[in-house]
C-alpha atoms as a PDB file:
ATOM      1  CA  MET A   1       0.000   0.000   0.000  1.00  0.00           C
ATOM      2  CA  GLY A   2       1.689   3.130  -1.211  1.00  0.00           C
ATOM      3  CA  ALA A   3       1.310   6.667   0.075  1.00  0.00           C
ATOM      4  CA  GLY A   4      -0.651   7.650  -3.074  1.00  0.00           C
ATOM      5  CA  ARG A   5      -3.396   5.256  -2.061  1.00  0.00           C
ATOM      6  CA  ASP A   6      -3.661   6.842   1.396  1.00  0.00           C
ATOM      7  CA  ASP A   7      -4.031  10.326  -0.104  1.00  0.00           C
ATOM      8  CA  ARG A   8      -7.297   9.500  -1.879  1.00  0.00           C
ATOM      9  CA  SER A   9     -10.437  11.118  -0.599  1.00  0.00           C
ATOM     10  CA  LEU A  10     -13.379   9.257   0.861  1.00  0.00           C
ATOM     11  CA  GLY A  11     -15.357  10.107  -2.273  1.00  0.00           C
ATOM     12  CA  ASP A  12     -12.641   8.532  -4.451  1.00  0.00           C
ATOM     13  CA  LEU A  13     -12.678   5.406  -2.320  1.00  0.00           C
ATOM     14  CA  PHE A  14     -16.465   5.105  -2.541  1.00  0.00           C
ATOM     15  CA  ALA A  15     -16.349   5.691  -6.303  1.00  0.00           C
ATOM     16  CA  GLU A  16     -13.754   2.924  -6.661  1.00  0.00           C
ATOM     17  CA  LEU A  17     -15.814   0.605  -4.459  1.00  0.00           C
ATOM     18  CA  ALA A  18     -18.933   1.328  -6.547  1.00  0.00           C
ATOM     19  CA  GLN A  19     -17.037   0.658  -9.776  1.00  0.00           C
ATOM     20  CA  GLU A  20     -15.551  -2.600  -8.474  1.00  0.00           C
ATOM     21  CA  THR A  21     -18.936  -3.704  -7.156  1.00  0.00           C
ATOM     22  CA  SER A  22     -20.555  -2.946 -10.516  1.00  0.00           C
ATOM     23  CA  THR A  23     -17.879  -4.932 -12.339  1.00  0.00           C
ATOM     24  CA  LEU A  24     -18.288  -7.782  -9.886  1.00  0.00           C
ATOM     25  CA  VAL A  25     -22.063  -7.889 -10.344  1.00  0.00           C
ATOM     26  CA  ARG A  26     -21.689  -7.951 -14.138  1.00  0.00           C
ATOM     27  CA  GLN A  27     -19.198 -10.806 -13.879  1.00  0.00           C
ATOM     28  CA  GLU A  28     -21.519 -12.735 -11.563  1.00  0.00           C
ATOM     29  CA  VAL A  29     -24.444 -12.304 -13.956  1.00  0.00           C
ATOM     30  CA  GLU A  30     -22.302 -13.559 -16.839  1.00  0.00           C
ATOM     31  CA  LEU A  31     -21.156 -16.556 -14.765  1.00  0.00           C
ATOM     32  CA  ALA A  32     -24.762 -17.386 -13.863  1.00  0.00           C
ATOM     33  CA  ARG A  33     -25.821 -17.109 -17.507  1.00  0.00           C
ATOM     34  CA  THR A  34     -22.997 -19.412 -18.635  1.00  0.00           C
ATOM     35  CA  GLU A  35     -23.625 -21.950 -15.899  1.00  0.00           C
ATOM     36  CA  LEU A  36     -27.381 -22.073 -16.528  1.00  0.00           C
ATOM     37  CA  SER A  37     -26.746 -22.462 -20.254  1.00  0.00           C
ATOM     38  CA  GLU A  38     -24.447 -25.437 -19.610  1.00  0.00           C
ATOM     39  CA  LYS A  39     -27.009 -27.085 -17.345  1.00  0.00           C
ATOM     40  CA  ALA A  40     -29.846 -26.450 -19.807  1.00  0.00           C
ATOM     41  CA  THR A  41     -27.804 -28.069 -22.588  1.00  0.00           C
ATOM     42  CA  ARG A  42     -27.150 -31.122 -20.422  1.00  0.00           C
ATOM     43  CA  ALA A  43     -30.834 -31.371 -19.467  1.00  0.00           C
ATOM     44  CA  GLY A  44     -31.780 -31.065 -23.147  1.00  0.00           C
ATOM     45  CA  LYS A  45     -29.557 -34.024 -24.009  1.00  0.00           C
ATOM     46  CA  ASP A  46     -31.069 -36.069 -21.171  1.00  0.00           C
ATOM     47  CA  ILE A  47     -34.578 -35.219 -22.357  1.00  0.00           C
ATOM     48  CA  ALA A  48     -33.618 -36.239 -25.904  1.00  0.00           C
ATOM     49  CA  SER A  49     -32.406 -39.601 -24.541  1.00  0.00           C
ATOM     50  CA  LEU A  50     -35.689 -39.966 -22.693  1.00  0.00           C
ATOM     51  CA  VAL A  51     -37.659 -39.304 -25.889  1.00  0.00           C
ATOM     52  CA  VAL A  52     -35.517 -41.738 -27.901  1.00  0.00           C
ATOM     53  CA  GLY A  53     -35.917 -44.364 -25.180  1.00  0.00           C
ATOM     54  CA  GLY A  54     -39.676 -43.873 -25.233  1.00  0.00           C
ATOM     55  CA  ALA A  55     -39.766 -44.223 -29.015  1.00  0.00           C
ATOM     56  CA  VAL A  56     -37.726 -47.430 -28.863  1.00  0.00           C
ATOM     57  CA  ALA A  57     -40.022 -48.826 -26.164  1.00  0.00           C
ATOM     58  CA  TYR A  58     -43.015 -47.924 -28.339  1.00  0.00           C
ATOM     59  CA  ALA A  59     -41.473 -49.763 -31.303  1.00  0.00           C
ATOM     60  CA  GLY A  60     -41.023 -52.766 -29.013  1.00  0.00           C
ATOM     61  CA  PHE A  61     -44.650 -52.546 -27.970  1.00  0.00           C
ATOM     62  CA  LEU A  62     -45.693 -52.565 -31.621  1.00  0.00           C
ATOM     63  CA  ALA A  63     -43.512 -55.607 -32.258  1.00  0.00           C
ATOM     64  CA  LEU A  64     -45.127 -57.357 -29.273  1.00  0.00           C
ATOM     65  CA  LEU A  65     -48.537 -56.595 -30.711  1.00  0.00           C
ATOM     66  CA  ALA A  66     -47.433 -57.993 -34.072  1.00  0.00           C
ATOM     67  CA  ALA A  67     -46.158 -61.121 -32.292  1.00  0.00           C
ATOM     68  CA  LEU A  68     -49.473 -61.524 -30.486  1.00  0.00           C
ATOM     69  CA  ILE A  69     -51.392 -61.154 -33.719  1.00  0.00           C
ATOM     70  CA  LEU A  70     -49.137 -63.641 -35.532  1.00  0.00           C
ATOM     71  CA  GLY A  71     -49.263 -65.955 -32.548  1.00  0.00           C
ATOM     72  CA  LEU A  72     -53.014 -66.022 -32.516  1.00  0.00           C
ATOM     73  CA  ASP A  73     -53.081 -66.524 -36.275  1.00  0.00           C
ATOM     74  CA  ARG A  74     -50.467 -69.214 -36.446  1.00  0.00           C
ATOM     75  CA  VAL A  75     -50.259 -71.042 -33.170  1.00  0.00           C
ATOM     76  CA  GLY A  76     -47.187 -73.187 -33.159  1.00  0.00           C
ATOM     77  CA  VAL A  77     -45.415 -71.407 -36.048  1.00  0.00           C
ATOM     78  CA  ALA A  78     -41.874 -70.197 -35.320  1.00  0.00           C
ATOM     79  CA  GLY A  79     -42.482 -66.817 -36.952  1.00  0.00           C
ATOM     80  CA  TRP A  80     -44.524 -65.399 -34.079  1.00  0.00           C
ATOM     81  CA  LEU A  81     -41.964 -66.641 -31.538  1.00  0.00           C
ATOM     82  CA  ALA A  82     -39.234 -64.771 -33.390  1.00  0.00           C
ATOM     83  CA  ALA A  83     -41.340 -61.601 -33.405  1.00  0.00           C
ATOM     84  CA  LEU A  84     -42.063 -62.056 -29.680  1.00  0.00           C
ATOM     85  CA  LEU A  85     -38.369 -62.423 -28.820  1.00  0.00           C
ATOM     86  CA  VAL A  86     -37.433 -59.381 -30.917  1.00  0.00           C
ATOM     87  CA  GLY A  87     -40.220 -57.385 -29.285  1.00  0.00           C
ATOM     88  CA  LEU A  88     -39.013 -58.322 -25.780  1.00  0.00           C
ATOM     89  CA  VAL A  89     -35.458 -57.300 -26.621  1.00  0.00           C
ATOM     90  CA  VAL A  90     -36.593 -53.949 -28.069  1.00  0.00           C
ATOM     91  CA  VAL A  91     -38.801 -53.231 -25.038  1.00  0.00           C
ATOM     92  CA  GLY A  92     -35.924 -54.103 -22.713  1.00  0.00           C
ATOM     93  CA  LEU A  93     -33.597 -51.754 -24.575  1.00  0.00           C
ATOM     94  CA  GLY A  94     -36.172 -48.967 -24.546  1.00  0.00           C
ATOM     95  CA  LEU A  95     -36.801 -49.362 -20.818  1.00  0.00           C
ATOM     96  CA  PHE A  96     -33.063 -49.280 -20.173  1.00  0.00           C
ATOM     97  CA  LEU A  97     -32.702 -46.027 -22.130  1.00  0.00           C
ATOM     98  CA  VAL A  98     -35.696 -44.413 -20.417  1.00  0.00           C
ATOM     99  CA  ASP A  99     -34.448 -45.437 -16.961  1.00  0.00           C
ATOM    100  CA  ARG A 100     -30.934 -44.140 -17.633  1.00  0.00           C
ATOM    101  CA  ALA A 101     -32.245 -40.794 -18.895  1.00  0.00           C
ATOM    102  CA  ARG A 102     -34.610 -40.508 -15.917  1.00  0.00           C
ATOM    103  CA  ARG A 103     -31.752 -41.143 -13.483  1.00  0.00           C
ATOM    104  CA  ASP A 104     -29.557 -38.595 -15.269  1.00  0.00           C
ATOM    105  CA  LEU A 105     -32.301 -35.971 -15.037  1.00  0.00           C
ATOM    106  CA  LYS A 106     -32.875 -36.698 -11.334  1.00  0.00           C
ATOM    107  CA  GLY A 107     -29.166 -36.502 -10.560  1.00  0.00           C
ATOM    108  CA  GLY A 108     -28.690 -33.164 -12.285  1.00  0.00           C
ATOM    109  CA  ASN A 109     -29.037 -30.041 -10.212  1.00  0.00           C
ATOM    110  CA  LEU A 110     -30.008 -27.041 -12.310  1.00  0.00           C
ATOM    111  CA  ALA A 111     -29.068 -24.477  -9.660  1.00  0.00           C
ATOM    112  CA  PRO A 112     -26.006 -22.367 -10.582  1.00  0.00           C
ATOM    113  CA  ARG A 113     -23.791 -23.662  -7.739  1.00  0.00           C
ATOM    114  CA  ARG A 114     -20.599 -21.921  -8.856  1.00  0.00           C
ATOM    115  CA  THR A 115     -22.415 -18.608  -9.024  1.00  0.00           C
ATOM    116  CA  VAL A 116     -23.895 -19.092  -5.559  1.00  0.00           C
ATOM    117  CA  GLU A 117     -20.440 -19.882  -4.167  1.00  0.00           C
ATOM    118  CA  THR A 118     -18.826 -16.850  -5.775  1.00  0.00           C
ATOM    119  CA  LEU A 119     -21.657 -14.630  -4.543  1.00  0.00           C
ATOM    120  CA  LYS A 120     -20.912 -15.811  -1.000  1.00  0.00           C
ATOM    121  CA  GLU A 121     -17.239 -15.028  -1.544  1.00  0.00           C
ATOM    122  CA  ASP A 122     -18.133 -11.616  -2.949  1.00  0.00           C
ATOM    123  CA  ARG A 123     -20.288 -10.857   0.087  1.00  0.00           C
ATOM    124  CA  GLU A 124     -17.344 -11.644   2.355  1.00  0.00           C
ATOM    125  CA  TRP A 125     -15.058  -9.493   0.207  1.00  0.00           C
ATOM    126  CA  ALA A 126     -17.502  -6.582   0.378  1.00  0.00           C
ATOM    127  CA  LYS A 127     -17.716  -6.909   4.170  1.00  0.00           C
ATOM    128  CA  GLU A 128     -13.920  -6.745   4.369  1.00  0.00           C
ATOM    129  CA  GLN A 129     -13.830  -3.660   2.130  1.00  0.00           C
ATOM    130  CA  ILE A 130     -16.408  -1.806   4.197  1.00  0.00           C
ATOM    131  CA  GLY A 131     -15.257  -2.977   7.629  1.00  0.00           C
END
């Protein structure tokens, strides 16, 4: 701390504090915007996986219906059994994808944690500057 810093008036010090606080607030807003954007992108990908998983499960359901129809039409014919097995595999895959996407969405926290932490740090810094 040099002597030039001690010679500043109270008005200069408050002006500097106001400028630094303004800069800090702008940086915090930008950090929050960036963090929320990242989390929204991740949630969008998880939702897309959920939709794809649902579509695959639906395709499996349709295959199961086809197997049931063929099974009723041709009892004892291997064709319906093949359709049934394929349908079960597709449903299993779809359920796996839906469950994974659901878990990923549950595990994600959309709150801007880094921003909250830096705001706490900024509050402490401001207290030190004033006190």
